[in-house]
C-alpha cells in the first residue's frame, strides 16, 4: 500500500522557494539546538555552527527577493508551502515541549 499523496506545492517564484528551503533548514537546526529537548551538547554545537551558514542563506534569499521587487511576502501561499513540506512538525521542535505535569 502506498502512502497518501501529498498536495502539490503552490506556485512559488524561485526566490520564494529558496526562502522556504532556507527557513526550514534554519528551523531544523534550531530544533536540534533547543535546550528543552533531549540531546547532547556536541549535537547542539554542530547545529549552532551550521545555523550561521543557513542564516546567511536565509538573509540572501530575502535580499534577492527585495532586489527583484518582490517586496511583499504572500503569507497564505508560503504557509501552504510550509505545510506541504511538513513545516508543522519541523517548527514544533523549536517550541517548548508540553509540560509533563499538566
Protein backbone atom coordinates (compact mmCIF):
# COMPACT_ATOMS: atom_id res chain seq x y z
CA UNK A 1 0.00 0.00 0.00
CA UNK A 2 1.33 3.41 -0.96
CA UNK A 3 1.35 6.36 1.46
CA UNK A 4 -1.20 9.08 0.75
CA UNK A 5 -0.14 11.54 -1.91
CA UNK A 6 0.86 14.98 -0.67
CA UNK A 7 -0.95 18.01 -2.03
CA UNK A 8 1.02 19.86 -4.69
CA UNK A 9 3.21 22.78 -3.72
CA UNK A 10 1.69 26.15 -4.59
CA UNK A 11 3.32 28.11 -7.40
CA UNK A 12 6.34 29.93 -5.99
CA UNK A 13 8.99 32.12 -7.51
CA UNK A 14 12.49 30.70 -7.39
CA UNK A 15 13.33 33.22 -4.67
CA UNK A 16 10.26 32.24 -2.61
CA UNK A 17 11.21 28.57 -2.91
CA UNK A 18 14.74 29.40 -1.75
CA UNK A 19 13.29 31.38 1.17
CA UNK A 20 11.14 28.42 2.23
CA UNK A 21 14.05 25.97 1.92
CA UNK A 22 16.42 28.18 3.91
CA UNK A 23 13.80 28.90 6.55
CA UNK A 24 13.07 25.20 7.08
CA UNK A 25 16.79 24.40 7.20
CA UNK A 26 17.23 27.01 9.94
CA UNK A 27 14.17 25.71 11.81
CA UNK A 28 15.55 22.15 11.70
CA UNK A 29 18.84 23.37 13.15
CA UNK A 30 17.10 25.40 15.86
CA UNK A 31 15.12 22.29 16.78
CA UNK A 32 18.39 20.41 17.29
CA UNK A 33 19.72 23.25 19.46
CA UNK A 34 16.55 23.60 21.59
CA UNK A 35 17.75 23.18 25.21
CA UNK A 36 14.30 21.99 26.28
CA UNK A 37 14.75 18.84 24.15
CA UNK A 38 16.86 15.82 24.94
CA UNK A 39 20.23 15.65 23.26
CA UNK A 40 23.90 16.23 23.85
CA UNK A 41 25.89 19.43 23.74
CA UNK A 42 28.02 18.32 20.80
CA UNK A 43 24.95 17.87 18.60
CA UNK A 44 23.73 21.32 19.66
CA UNK A 45 27.14 22.84 19.00
CA UNK A 46 27.30 21.36 15.49
CA UNK A 47 23.78 22.60 14.75
CA UNK A 48 24.63 26.09 16.06
CA UNK A 49 27.71 26.23 13.84
CA UNK A 50 25.67 25.19 10.80
CA UNK A 51 22.95 27.69 11.70
CA UNK A 52 25.30 30.58 10.91
CA UNK A 53 25.60 29.42 7.31
CA UNK A 54 21.87 28.82 6.95
CA UNK A 55 21.07 32.24 8.44
CA UNK A 56 23.28 33.85 5.80
CA UNK A 57 21.49 31.88 3.07
CA UNK A 58 18.12 32.96 4.50
CA UNK A 59 19.24 36.59 4.53
CA UNK A 60 20.50 36.29 0.97
CA UNK A 61 17.19 34.79 -0.22
CA UNK A 62 15.26 37.68 1.32
CA UNK A 63 17.71 40.23 -0.08
CA UNK A 64 17.34 38.72 -3.56
CA UNK A 65 13.55 38.91 -3.30
CA UNK A 66 13.80 42.55 -2.26
CA UNK A 67 16.19 43.44 -5.09
CA UNK A 68 13.87 41.79 -7.61
CA UNK A 69 10.99 43.91 -6.42
CA UNK A 70 9.27 41.11 -4.50
CA UNK A 71 8.55 43.43 -1.59
CA UNK A 72 5.61 41.52 -0.09
CA UNK A 73 5.51 38.07 1.43
CA UNK A 74 2.38 36.24 0.36
CA UNK A 75 1.77 34.61 3.73
CA UNK A 76 -1.12 32.36 2.74
CA UNK A 77 0.79 30.87 -0.20
CA UNK A 78 4.02 30.50 1.76
CA UNK A 79 2.14 28.91 4.69
CA UNK A 80 0.62 26.36 2.30
CA UNK A 81 4.08 25.53 1.01
CA UNK A 82 5.39 25.15 4.58
CA UNK A 83 2.53 22.77 5.43
CA UNK A 84 3.19 20.61 2.37
CA UNK A 85 6.87 20.42 3.37
CA UNK A 86 5.99 19.22 6.90
CA UNK A 87 6.56 22.65 8.45
CA UNK A 88 4.12 21.96 11.29
CA UNK A 89 6.20 19.07 12.63
CA UNK A 90 9.51 20.75 11.92
CA UNK A 91 8.64 24.03 13.66
CA UNK A 92 7.14 22.18 16.65
CA UNK A 93 10.66 21.07 17.63
CA UNK A 94 11.61 24.73 18.21
CA UNK A 95 8.89 25.31 20.82
CA UNK A 96 8.78 24.09 24.39
CA UNK A 97 7.56 20.51 24.76
CA UNK A 98 4.34 20.00 26.72
CA UNK A 99 4.72 20.17 30.50
CA UNK A 100 4.70 16.58 31.78
CA UNK A 101 2.94 17.72 34.97
CA UNK A 102 -0.09 19.05 33.09
